[in-house]
Amino acid sequence: MQQLIKYIKDNSEKVALGCGFFLWLLSSKYPWLGNILLIGYIGLIVAFSCLARYKSYKALKAKGLTFKDVRNASFVKKWELTRKSGYGKFVFQTGGLLFGAMLFTPVAFDMFYFIGLPEAIKGLGRLTALFGLCVVGCYVAGASIFSLRWSINERRFLRLTDPLSFLQKP
């Protein structure tokens, strides 16, 4: 029994995934039973995550820390590295290219849905213009959002690292 408990503790993600897959198979054969067990399974996952969070809270409290302290320290470390790479890389590469690319697919599908695919395909020039407009719009939107994030993160970084930063003008 002790070996089983140790295995479950060491491989909790694998065990949870296996149980979830088993319940999914069971719900396809017996929907009423599978759904009841699935609700209980979700409840157990929530209970275990709350228990883990409580244990980590107690460990942090013993050290005199809170979750907010850990989150702030993590932010400062990450933001120092991001600041070193520079504003341009953060805004234009991370925001414009990466975030813009993530925005592109849903925006393009929405444009085709609202305009109508047959209407958009009537001419190759119209489709190319629509595609170009979508690419440029998503790039600008991503860069704008990340430019705003830069200023917000800079203020937070200054507030966390310099206690007298509120006296300075932004």
N, C-alpha and C. Protein backbone atom coordinates (compact mmCIF):
# COMPACT_ATOMS: atom_id res chain seq x y z
N MET A 1 0.82 -1.20 0.00
CA MET A 1 0.00 0.00 0.00
C MET A 1 0.86 1.26 0.00
N GLN A 2 1.95 1.21 0.77
CA GLN A 2 2.86 2.36 0.84
C GLN A 2 3.49 2.63 -0.52
N GLN A 3 3.81 1.55 -1.26
CA GLN A 3 4.41 1.73 -2.58
C GLN A 3 3.42 2.38 -3.54
N LEU A 4 2.14 2.00 -3.45
CA LEU A 4 1.12 2.59 -4.30
C LEU A 4 0.96 4.07 -4.00
N ILE A 5 0.92 4.44 -2.74
CA ILE A 5 0.80 5.85 -2.35
C ILE A 5 2.01 6.64 -2.83
N LYS A 6 3.20 6.06 -2.68
CA LYS A 6 4.42 6.73 -3.14
C LYS A 6 4.39 6.92 -4.65
N TYR A 7 3.94 5.90 -5.40
CA TYR A 7 3.86 6.01 -6.85
C TYR A 7 2.88 7.10 -7.27
N ILE A 8 1.73 7.15 -6.62
CA ILE A 8 0.73 8.17 -6.94
C ILE A 8 1.27 9.57 -6.65
N LYS A 9 1.98 9.73 -5.53
CA LYS A 9 2.55 11.04 -5.20
C LYS A 9 3.61 11.45 -6.21
N ASP A 10 4.46 10.50 -6.61
CA ASP A 10 5.55 10.82 -7.53
C ASP A 10 5.06 11.06 -8.95
N ASN A 11 3.98 10.42 -9.34
CA ASN A 11 3.48 10.51 -10.72
C ASN A 11 2.05 11.01 -10.75
N SER A 12 1.76 12.06 -10.01
CA SER A 12 0.37 12.51 -9.87
C SER A 12 -0.23 12.98 -11.19
N GLU A 13 0.58 13.61 -12.05
CA GLU A 13 0.04 14.08 -13.33
C GLU A 13 -0.35 12.90 -14.22
N LYS A 14 0.50 11.87 -14.25
CA LYS A 14 0.20 10.68 -15.07
C LYS A 14 -1.04 9.96 -14.55
N VAL A 15 -1.15 9.85 -13.25
CA VAL A 15 -2.30 9.18 -12.65
C VAL A 15 -3.58 9.96 -12.95
N ALA A 16 -3.52 11.29 -12.80
CA ALA A 16 -4.70 12.13 -13.07
C ALA A 16 -5.10 12.04 -14.53
N LEU A 17 -4.11 12.04 -15.44
CA LEU A 17 -4.42 11.93 -16.86
C LEU A 17 -5.03 10.57 -17.18
N GLY A 18 -4.49 9.51 -16.58
CA GLY A 18 -5.05 8.17 -16.80
C GLY A 18 -6.47 8.04 -16.28
N CYS A 19 -6.73 8.62 -15.11
CA CYS A 19 -8.09 8.58 -14.55
C CYS A 19 -9.05 9.37 -15.43
N GLY A 20 -8.60 10.51 -15.89
CA GLY A 20 -9.45 11.32 -16.77
C GLY A 20 -9.77 10.59 -18.06
N PHE A 21 -8.78 9.92 -18.65
CA PHE A 21 -9.01 9.16 -19.88
C PHE A 21 -9.96 8.00 -19.63
N PHE A 22 -9.80 7.31 -18.50
CA PHE A 22 -10.70 6.21 -18.15
C PHE A 22 -12.13 6.71 -17.99
N LEU A 23 -12.29 7.85 -17.32
CA LEU A 23 -13.64 8.40 -17.14
C LEU A 23 -14.25 8.85 -18.47
N TRP A 24 -13.42 9.35 -19.37
CA TRP A 24 -13.91 9.74 -20.70
C TRP A 24 -14.42 8.50 -21.44
N LEU A 25 -13.65 7.40 -21.37
CA LEU A 25 -14.10 6.16 -22.00
C LEU A 25 -15.38 5.64 -21.35
N LEU A 26 -15.45 5.71 -20.04
CA LEU A 26 -16.63 5.24 -19.32
C LEU A 26 -17.86 6.08 -19.66
N SER A 27 -17.66 7.39 -19.84
CA SER A 27 -18.81 8.25 -20.14
C SER A 27 -19.35 7.99 -21.54
N SER A 28 -18.53 7.48 -22.45
CA SER A 28 -19.05 7.17 -23.78
C SER A 28 -19.92 5.91 -23.76
N LYS A 29 -19.63 4.99 -22.86
CA LYS A 29 -20.42 3.75 -22.76
C LYS A 29 -21.62 3.93 -21.83
N TYR A 30 -21.39 4.53 -20.66
CA TYR A 30 -22.44 4.76 -19.67
C TYR A 30 -22.45 6.25 -19.33
N PRO A 31 -23.20 7.06 -20.07
CA PRO A 31 -23.13 8.51 -19.88
C PRO A 31 -23.50 8.96 -18.47
N TRP A 32 -24.52 8.38 -17.89
CA TRP A 32 -24.96 8.84 -16.57
C TRP A 32 -23.92 8.54 -15.50
N LEU A 33 -23.32 7.34 -15.54
CA LEU A 33 -22.31 6.96 -14.55
C LEU A 33 -21.01 7.74 -14.78
N GLY A 34 -20.63 7.86 -16.04
CA GLY A 34 -19.41 8.59 -16.37
C GLY A 34 -19.49 10.05 -15.95
N ASN A 35 -20.65 10.67 -16.15
CA ASN A 35 -20.80 12.07 -15.76
C ASN A 35 -20.75 12.26 -14.25
N ILE A 36 -21.36 11.35 -13.52
CA ILE A 36 -21.32 11.45 -12.06
C ILE A 36 -19.89 11.30 -11.56
N LEU A 37 -19.17 10.30 -12.10
CA LEU A 37 -17.78 10.09 -11.69
C LEU A 37 -16.88 11.24 -12.15
N LEU A 38 -17.17 11.81 -13.31
CA LEU A 38 -16.38 12.92 -13.81
C LEU A 38 -16.51 14.15 -12.90
N ILE A 39 -17.71 14.39 -12.41
CA ILE A 39 -17.92 15.51 -11.48
C ILE A 39 -17.12 15.27 -10.19
N GLY A 40 -17.15 14.05 -9.69
CA GLY A 40 -16.35 13.73 -8.51
C GLY A 40 -14.86 13.85 -8.77
N TYR A 41 -14.43 13.45 -9.95
CA TYR A 41 -13.02 13.56 -10.34
C TYR A 41 -12.57 15.02 -10.38
N ILE A 42 -13.39 15.87 -10.95
CA ILE A 42 -13.07 17.31 -10.99
C ILE A 42 -13.01 17.86 -9.56
N GLY A 43 -13.93 17.42 -8.70
CA GLY A 43 -13.90 17.85 -7.31
C GLY A 43 -12.62 17.44 -6.61
N LEU A 44 -12.15 16.21 -6.88
CA LEU A 44 -10.90 15.75 -6.28
C LEU A 44 -9.71 16.57 -6.78
N ILE A 45 -9.69 16.90 -8.04
CA ILE A 45 -8.59 17.71 -8.58
C ILE A 45 -8.57 19.08 -7.91
N VAL A 46 -9.74 19.68 -7.74
CA VAL A 46 -9.82 20.98 -7.07
C VAL A 46 -9.37 20.85 -5.62
N ALA A 47 -9.79 19.80 -4.95
CA ALA A 47 -9.41 19.60 -3.55
C ALA A 47 -7.90 19.41 -3.41
N PHE A 48 -7.29 18.62 -4.29
CA PHE A 48 -5.84 18.41 -4.23
C PHE A 48 -5.07 19.69 -4.54
N SER A 49 -5.57 20.49 -5.49
CA SER A 49 -4.87 21.74 -5.80
C SER A 49 -4.99 22.72 -4.63
N CYS A 50 -6.14 22.74 -3.96
CA CYS A 50 -6.29 23.59 -2.78
C CYS A 50 -5.38 23.13 -1.65
N LEU A 51 -5.25 21.82 -1.49
CA LEU A 51 -4.37 21.28 -0.46
C LEU A 51 -2.91 21.64 -0.75
N ALA A 52 -2.51 21.54 -2.01
CA ALA A 52 -1.13 21.89 -2.37
C ALA A 52 -0.88 23.38 -2.16
N ARG A 53 -1.86 24.19 -2.51
CA ARG A 53 -1.71 25.63 -2.30
C ARG A 53 -1.63 25.96 -0.81
N TYR A 54 -2.41 25.28 0.01
CA TYR A 54 -2.37 25.51 1.46
C TYR A 54 -1.03 25.11 2.04
N LYS A 55 -0.48 23.97 1.57
CA LYS A 55 0.83 23.54 2.06
C LYS A 55 1.91 24.54 1.67
N SER A 56 1.86 25.04 0.44
CA SER A 56 2.87 26.03 0.03
C SER A 56 2.67 27.34 0.78
N TYR A 57 1.41 27.69 1.10
CA TYR A 57 1.14 28.89 1.88
C TYR A 57 1.75 28.76 3.27
N LYS A 58 1.60 27.58 3.90
CA LYS A 58 2.17 27.37 5.23
C LYS A 58 3.69 27.44 5.19
N ALA A 59 4.30 26.88 4.13
CA ALA A 59 5.76 26.92 4.01
C ALA A 59 6.25 28.35 3.83
N LEU A 60 5.53 29.13 3.02
CA LEU A 60 5.91 30.53 2.82
C LEU A 60 5.71 31.34 4.10
N LYS A 61 4.62 31.07 4.81
CA LYS A 61 4.33 31.80 6.03
C LYS A 61 5.39 31.53 7.09
N ALA A 62 5.92 30.32 7.11
CA ALA A 62 6.98 29.99 8.05
C ALA A 62 8.24 30.81 7.77
N LYS A 63 8.44 31.17 6.50
CA LYS A 63 9.59 31.99 6.11
C LYS A 63 9.28 33.48 6.19
N GLY A 64 8.03 33.82 6.51
CA GLY A 64 7.64 35.23 6.60
C GLY A 64 7.30 35.84 5.25
N LEU A 65 6.92 35.02 4.28
CA LEU A 65 6.59 35.50 2.93
C LEU A 65 5.12 35.24 2.61
N THR A 66 4.65 35.88 1.55
CA THR A 66 3.30 35.63 1.03
C THR A 66 3.43 35.28 -0.45
N PHE A 67 2.32 34.85 -1.05
CA PHE A 67 2.31 34.56 -2.48
C PHE A 67 2.63 35.82 -3.28
N LYS A 68 2.15 36.95 -2.79
CA LYS A 68 2.40 38.21 -3.49
C LYS A 68 3.89 38.54 -3.51
N ASP A 69 4.58 38.26 -2.42
CA ASP A 69 6.03 38.50 -2.37
C ASP A 69 6.76 37.64 -3.41
N VAL A 70 6.38 36.39 -3.50
CA VAL A 70 7.01 35.47 -4.46
C VAL A 70 6.71 35.92 -5.88
N ARG A 71 5.46 36.30 -6.14
CA ARG A 71 5.06 36.76 -7.47
C ARG A 71 5.82 38.02 -7.86
N ASN A 72 5.97 38.94 -6.91
CA ASN A 72 6.69 40.18 -7.19
C ASN A 72 8.17 39.92 -7.45
N ALA A 73 8.78 39.03 -6.68
CA ALA A 73 10.20 38.71 -6.89
C ALA A 73 10.40 38.05 -8.25
N SER A 74 9.48 37.17 -8.62
CA SER A 74 9.56 36.51 -9.92
C SER A 74 9.41 37.53 -11.05
N PHE A 75 8.48 38.47 -10.88
CA PHE A 75 8.28 39.51 -11.89
C PHE A 75 9.55 40.34 -12.07
N VAL A 76 10.18 40.74 -10.96
CA VAL A 76 11.38 41.58 -11.04
C VAL A 76 12.49 40.85 -11.79
N LYS A 77 12.68 39.56 -11.52
CA LYS A 77 13.71 38.79 -12.22
C LYS A 77 13.44 38.72 -13.72
N LYS A 78 12.20 38.40 -14.07
CA LYS A 78 11.85 38.28 -15.48
C LYS A 78 11.92 39.62 -16.19
N TRP A 79 11.46 40.67 -15.52
CA TRP A 79 11.43 41.97 -16.17
C TRP A 79 12.83 42.55 -16.35
N GLU A 80 13.77 42.23 -15.46
CA GLU A 80 15.16 42.67 -15.65
C GLU A 80 15.73 42.09 -16.94
N LEU A 81 15.45 40.83 -17.21
CA LEU A 81 15.91 40.21 -18.45
C LEU A 81 15.23 40.83 -19.67
N THR A 82 13.94 41.09 -19.56
CA THR A 82 13.21 41.69 -20.67
C THR A 82 13.70 43.10 -20.94
N ARG A 83 13.97 43.86 -19.91
CA ARG A 83 14.47 45.22 -20.07
C ARG A 83 15.81 45.24 -20.78
N LYS A 84 16.66 44.25 -20.49
CA LYS A 84 17.97 44.18 -21.14
C LYS A 84 17.84 43.98 -22.64
N SER A 85 16.83 43.23 -23.06
CA SER A 85 16.64 43.00 -24.49
C SER A 85 16.14 44.26 -25.20
N GLY A 86 15.48 45.14 -24.47
CA GLY A 86 15.11 46.44 -25.03
C GLY A 86 13.65 46.57 -25.39
N TYR A 87 13.26 47.84 -25.51
CA TYR A 87 11.88 48.21 -25.82
C TYR A 87 11.49 47.73 -27.22
N GLY A 88 12.37 47.95 -28.18
CA GLY A 88 12.06 47.60 -29.57
C GLY A 88 11.79 46.12 -29.75
N LYS A 89 12.65 45.29 -29.17
CA LYS A 89 12.46 43.84 -29.31
C LYS A 89 11.17 43.42 -28.63
N PHE A 90 10.89 43.96 -27.44
CA PHE A 90 9.68 43.59 -26.72
C PHE A 90 8.43 43.98 -27.50
N VAL A 91 8.42 45.22 -27.99
CA VAL A 91 7.21 45.71 -28.65
C VAL A 91 7.07 45.15 -30.06
N PHE A 92 8.12 45.23 -30.87
CA PHE A 92 7.97 44.89 -32.28
C PHE A 92 8.13 43.41 -32.57
N GLN A 93 9.01 42.72 -31.84
CA GLN A 93 9.14 41.28 -32.09
C GLN A 93 8.12 40.49 -31.29
N THR A 94 8.13 40.68 -29.96
CA THR A 94 7.22 39.90 -29.12
C THR A 94 5.78 40.32 -29.36
N GLY A 95 5.53 41.62 -29.38
CA GLY A 95 4.16 42.10 -29.54
C GLY A 95 3.68 42.03 -30.97
N GLY A 96 4.45 42.66 -31.87
CA GLY A 96 4.02 42.74 -33.26
C GLY A 96 4.01 41.41 -33.96
N LEU A 97 5.13 40.70 -33.88
CA LEU A 97 5.22 39.44 -34.62
C LEU A 97 4.52 38.29 -33.93
N LEU A 98 4.89 38.01 -32.68
CA LEU A 98 4.32 36.84 -32.01
C LEU A 98 2.85 37.02 -31.65
N PHE A 99 2.55 38.11 -30.93
CA PHE A 99 1.17 38.33 -30.53
C PHE A 99 0.30 38.65 -31.75
N GLY A 100 0.87 39.39 -32.70
CA GLY A 100 0.14 39.68 -33.94
C GLY A 100 -0.19 38.42 -34.71
N ALA A 101 0.75 37.47 -34.73
CA ALA A 101 0.49 36.20 -35.41
C ALA A 101 -0.59 35.40 -34.70
N MET A 102 -0.60 35.48 -33.37
CA MET A 102 -1.67 34.80 -32.62
C MET A 102 -3.02 35.44 -32.89
N LEU A 103 -3.03 36.74 -33.08
CA LEU A 103 -4.28 37.43 -33.38
C LEU A 103 -4.76 37.18 -34.81
N PHE A 104 -3.81 36.91 -35.71
CA PHE A 104 -4.13 36.83 -37.12
C PHE A 104 -5.19 35.79 -37.45
N THR A 105 -5.03 34.57 -36.93
CA THR A 105 -5.95 33.49 -37.29
C THR A 105 -7.40 33.79 -36.92
N PRO A 106 -7.70 34.14 -35.66
CA PRO A 106 -9.11 34.41 -35.37
C PRO A 106 -9.64 35.66 -36.10
N VAL A 107 -8.79 36.66 -36.27
CA VAL A 107 -9.24 37.88 -36.96
C VAL A 107 -9.52 37.57 -38.43
N ALA A 108 -8.64 36.79 -39.07
CA ALA A 108 -8.85 36.44 -40.48
C ALA A 108 -10.12 35.63 -40.66
N PHE A 109 -10.34 34.66 -39.77
CA PHE A 109 -11.58 33.87 -39.87
C PHE A 109 -12.81 34.74 -39.65
N ASP A 110 -12.74 35.66 -38.70
CA ASP A 110 -13.86 36.57 -38.47
C ASP A 110 -14.11 37.46 -39.67
N MET A 111 -13.04 37.95 -40.28
CA MET A 111 -13.22 38.80 -41.47
C MET A 111 -13.87 38.02 -42.60
N PHE A 112 -13.42 36.78 -42.82
CA PHE A 112 -14.04 35.96 -43.86
C PHE A 112 -15.48 35.62 -43.52
N TYR A 113 -15.77 35.44 -42.24
CA TYR A 113 -17.13 35.12 -41.83
C TYR A 113 -18.06 36.30 -42.05
N PHE A 114 -17.63 37.49 -41.63
CA PHE A 114 -18.50 38.65 -41.74
C PHE A 114 -18.58 39.19 -43.17
N ILE A 115 -17.49 39.12 -43.90
CA ILE A 115 -17.53 39.59 -45.29
C ILE A 115 -18.12 38.52 -46.18
N GLY A 116 -17.83 37.30 -45.85
CA GLY A 116 -18.31 36.18 -46.65
C GLY A 116 -17.19 35.69 -47.55
N LEU A 117 -16.89 34.42 -47.48
CA LEU A 117 -15.80 33.86 -48.27
C LEU A 117 -16.05 33.98 -49.77
N PRO A 118 -17.26 33.71 -50.28
CA PRO A 118 -17.46 33.87 -51.73
C PRO A 118 -17.24 35.33 -52.19
N GLU A 119 -17.62 36.28 -51.35
CA GLU A 119 -17.43 37.68 -51.69
C GLU A 119 -15.94 38.02 -51.70
N ALA A 120 -15.19 37.45 -50.77
CA ALA A 120 -13.77 37.76 -50.67
C ALA A 120 -12.97 37.10 -51.78
N ILE A 121 -13.44 35.95 -52.29
CA ILE A 121 -12.69 35.22 -53.30
C ILE A 121 -13.03 35.68 -54.71
N LYS A 122 -13.96 36.58 -54.88
CA LYS A 122 -14.36 37.03 -56.22
C LYS A 122 -13.17 37.47 -57.06
N GLY A 123 -12.24 38.11 -56.42
CA GLY A 123 -11.05 38.52 -57.16
C GLY A 123 -9.82 38.29 -56.32
N LEU A 124 -8.74 37.93 -56.98
CA LEU A 124 -7.51 37.67 -56.26
C LEU A 124 -6.99 38.95 -55.62
N GLY A 125 -7.19 40.06 -56.27
CA GLY A 125 -6.75 41.35 -55.72
C GLY A 125 -7.48 41.69 -54.44
N ARG A 126 -8.77 41.41 -54.41
CA ARG A 126 -9.57 41.69 -53.21
C ARG A 126 -9.14 40.80 -52.04
N LEU A 127 -8.86 39.54 -52.34
CA LEU A 127 -8.42 38.61 -51.31
C LEU A 127 -7.03 38.99 -50.78
N THR A 128 -6.16 39.40 -51.68
CA THR A 128 -4.82 39.82 -51.28
C THR A 128 -4.88 41.07 -50.42
N ALA A 129 -5.73 42.01 -50.80
CA ALA A 129 -5.88 43.24 -50.01
C ALA A 129 -6.43 42.92 -48.62
N LEU A 130 -7.39 42.02 -48.56
CA LEU A 130 -7.97 41.62 -47.28
C LEU A 130 -6.92 40.94 -46.40
N PHE A 131 -6.13 40.07 -47.01
CA PHE A 131 -5.06 39.38 -46.28
C PHE A 131 -4.03 40.39 -45.77
N GLY A 132 -3.62 41.31 -46.63
CA GLY A 132 -2.64 42.33 -46.24
C GLY A 132 -3.16 43.23 -45.13
N LEU A 133 -4.40 43.63 -45.24
CA LEU A 133 -5.02 44.46 -44.20
C LEU A 133 -5.05 43.73 -42.87
N CYS A 134 -5.35 42.46 -42.90
CA CYS A 134 -5.41 41.65 -41.69
C CYS A 134 -4.02 41.52 -41.07
N VAL A 135 -2.99 41.28 -41.89
CA VAL A 135 -1.62 41.14 -41.38
C VAL A 135 -1.15 42.45 -40.74
N VAL A 136 -1.33 43.55 -41.44
CA VAL A 136 -0.89 44.85 -40.92
C VAL A 136 -1.68 45.22 -39.66
N GLY A 137 -2.98 45.02 -39.68
CA GLY A 137 -3.81 45.35 -38.52
C GLY A 137 -3.43 44.55 -37.29
N CYS A 138 -3.16 43.25 -37.47
CA CYS A 138 -2.77 42.41 -36.32
C CYS A 138 -1.40 42.80 -35.81
N TYR A 139 -0.47 43.15 -36.70
CA TYR A 139 0.87 43.58 -36.27
C TYR A 139 0.77 44.87 -35.46
N VAL A 140 0.01 45.83 -35.96
CA VAL A 140 -0.13 47.11 -35.26
C VAL A 140 -0.84 46.92 -33.92
N ALA A 141 -1.87 46.09 -33.90
CA ALA A 141 -2.59 45.84 -32.65
C ALA A 141 -1.66 45.17 -31.62
N GLY A 142 -0.89 44.17 -32.05
CA GLY A 142 0.03 43.50 -31.14
C GLY A 142 1.10 44.45 -30.61
N ALA A 143 1.66 45.27 -31.49
CA ALA A 143 2.69 46.22 -31.07
C ALA A 143 2.10 47.26 -30.12
N SER A 144 0.88 47.71 -30.37
CA SER A 144 0.24 48.70 -29.49
C SER A 144 -0.03 48.13 -28.11
N ILE A 145 -0.54 46.92 -28.06
CA ILE A 145 -0.83 46.27 -26.78
C ILE A 145 0.46 46.07 -25.98
N PHE A 146 1.52 45.64 -26.64
CA PHE A 146 2.77 45.41 -25.92
C PHE A 146 3.48 46.69 -25.56
N SER A 147 3.24 47.76 -26.30
CA SER A 147 3.77 49.06 -25.90
C SER A 147 3.11 49.52 -24.60
N LEU A 148 1.81 49.31 -24.50
CA LEU A 148 1.10 49.63 -23.27
C LEU A 148 1.58 48.74 -22.12
N ARG A 149 1.80 47.46 -22.40
CA ARG A 149 2.30 46.54 -21.37
C ARG A 149 3.68 46.96 -20.88
N TRP A 150 4.52 47.48 -21.80
CA TRP A 150 5.85 47.93 -21.42
C TRP A 150 5.76 49.03 -20.37
N SER A 151 4.92 50.02 -20.63
CA SER A 151 4.82 51.14 -19.68
C SER A 151 4.23 50.69 -18.35
N ILE A 152 3.26 49.81 -18.37
CA ILE A 152 2.67 49.31 -17.12
C ILE A 152 3.71 48.49 -16.34
N ASN A 153 4.43 47.63 -17.03
CA ASN A 153 5.44 46.81 -16.36
C ASN A 153 6.60 47.64 -15.85
N GLU A 154 6.97 48.69 -16.56
CA GLU A 154 8.03 49.59 -16.10
C GLU A 154 7.64 50.27 -14.79
N ARG A 155 6.40 50.75 -14.72
CA ARG A 155 5.93 51.39 -13.48
C ARG A 155 5.93 50.39 -12.32
N ARG A 156 5.48 49.18 -12.60
CA ARG A 156 5.46 48.16 -11.55
C ARG A 156 6.89 47.80 -11.11
N PHE A 157 7.80 47.69 -12.07
CA PHE A 157 9.18 47.37 -11.76
C PHE A 157 9.81 48.46 -10.90
N LEU A 158 9.59 49.71 -11.26
CA LEU A 158 10.13 50.81 -10.48
C LEU A 158 9.54 50.84 -9.07
N ARG A 159 8.26 50.58 -8.97
CA ARG A 159 7.59 50.57 -7.66
C ARG A 159 8.15 49.47 -6.77
N LEU A 160 8.48 48.32 -7.36
CA LEU A 160 8.98 47.20 -6.57
C LEU A 160 10.47 47.31 -6.23
N THR A 161 11.24 47.97 -7.10
CA THR A 161 12.69 48.02 -6.87
C THR A 161 13.15 49.32 -6.22
N ASP A 162 12.43 50.41 -6.44
CA ASP A 162 12.83 51.70 -5.90
C ASP A 162 11.71 52.23 -5.00
N PRO A 163 11.89 52.23 -3.70
CA PRO A 163 10.80 52.64 -2.81
C PRO A 163 10.43 54.11 -2.94
N LEU A 164 11.31 54.92 -3.49
CA LEU A 164 11.02 56.35 -3.64
C LEU A 164 10.60 56.70 -5.06
N SER A 165 10.24 55.71 -5.85
CA SER A 165 9.89 55.95 -7.26
C SER A 165 8.60 56.75 -7.40
N PHE A 166 7.75 56.73 -6.40
CA PHE A 166 6.50 57.49 -6.50
C PHE A 166 6.78 59.00 -6.45
N LEU A 167 7.95 59.39 -5.99
CA LEU A 167 8.30 60.83 -5.96
C LEU A 167 8.74 61.33 -7.33
N GLN A 168 9.20 60.39 -8.20
CA GLN A 168 9.67 60.78 -9.52
C GLN A 168 8.51 60.88 -10.48
N LYS A 169 8.66 61.77 -11.47
CA LYS A 169 7.63 61.86 -12.51
C LYS A 169 7.89 60.78 -13.54
N PRO A 170 6.84 60.16 -14.07
CA PRO A 170 7.03 59.09 -15.06
C PRO A 170 7.53 59.60 -16.39
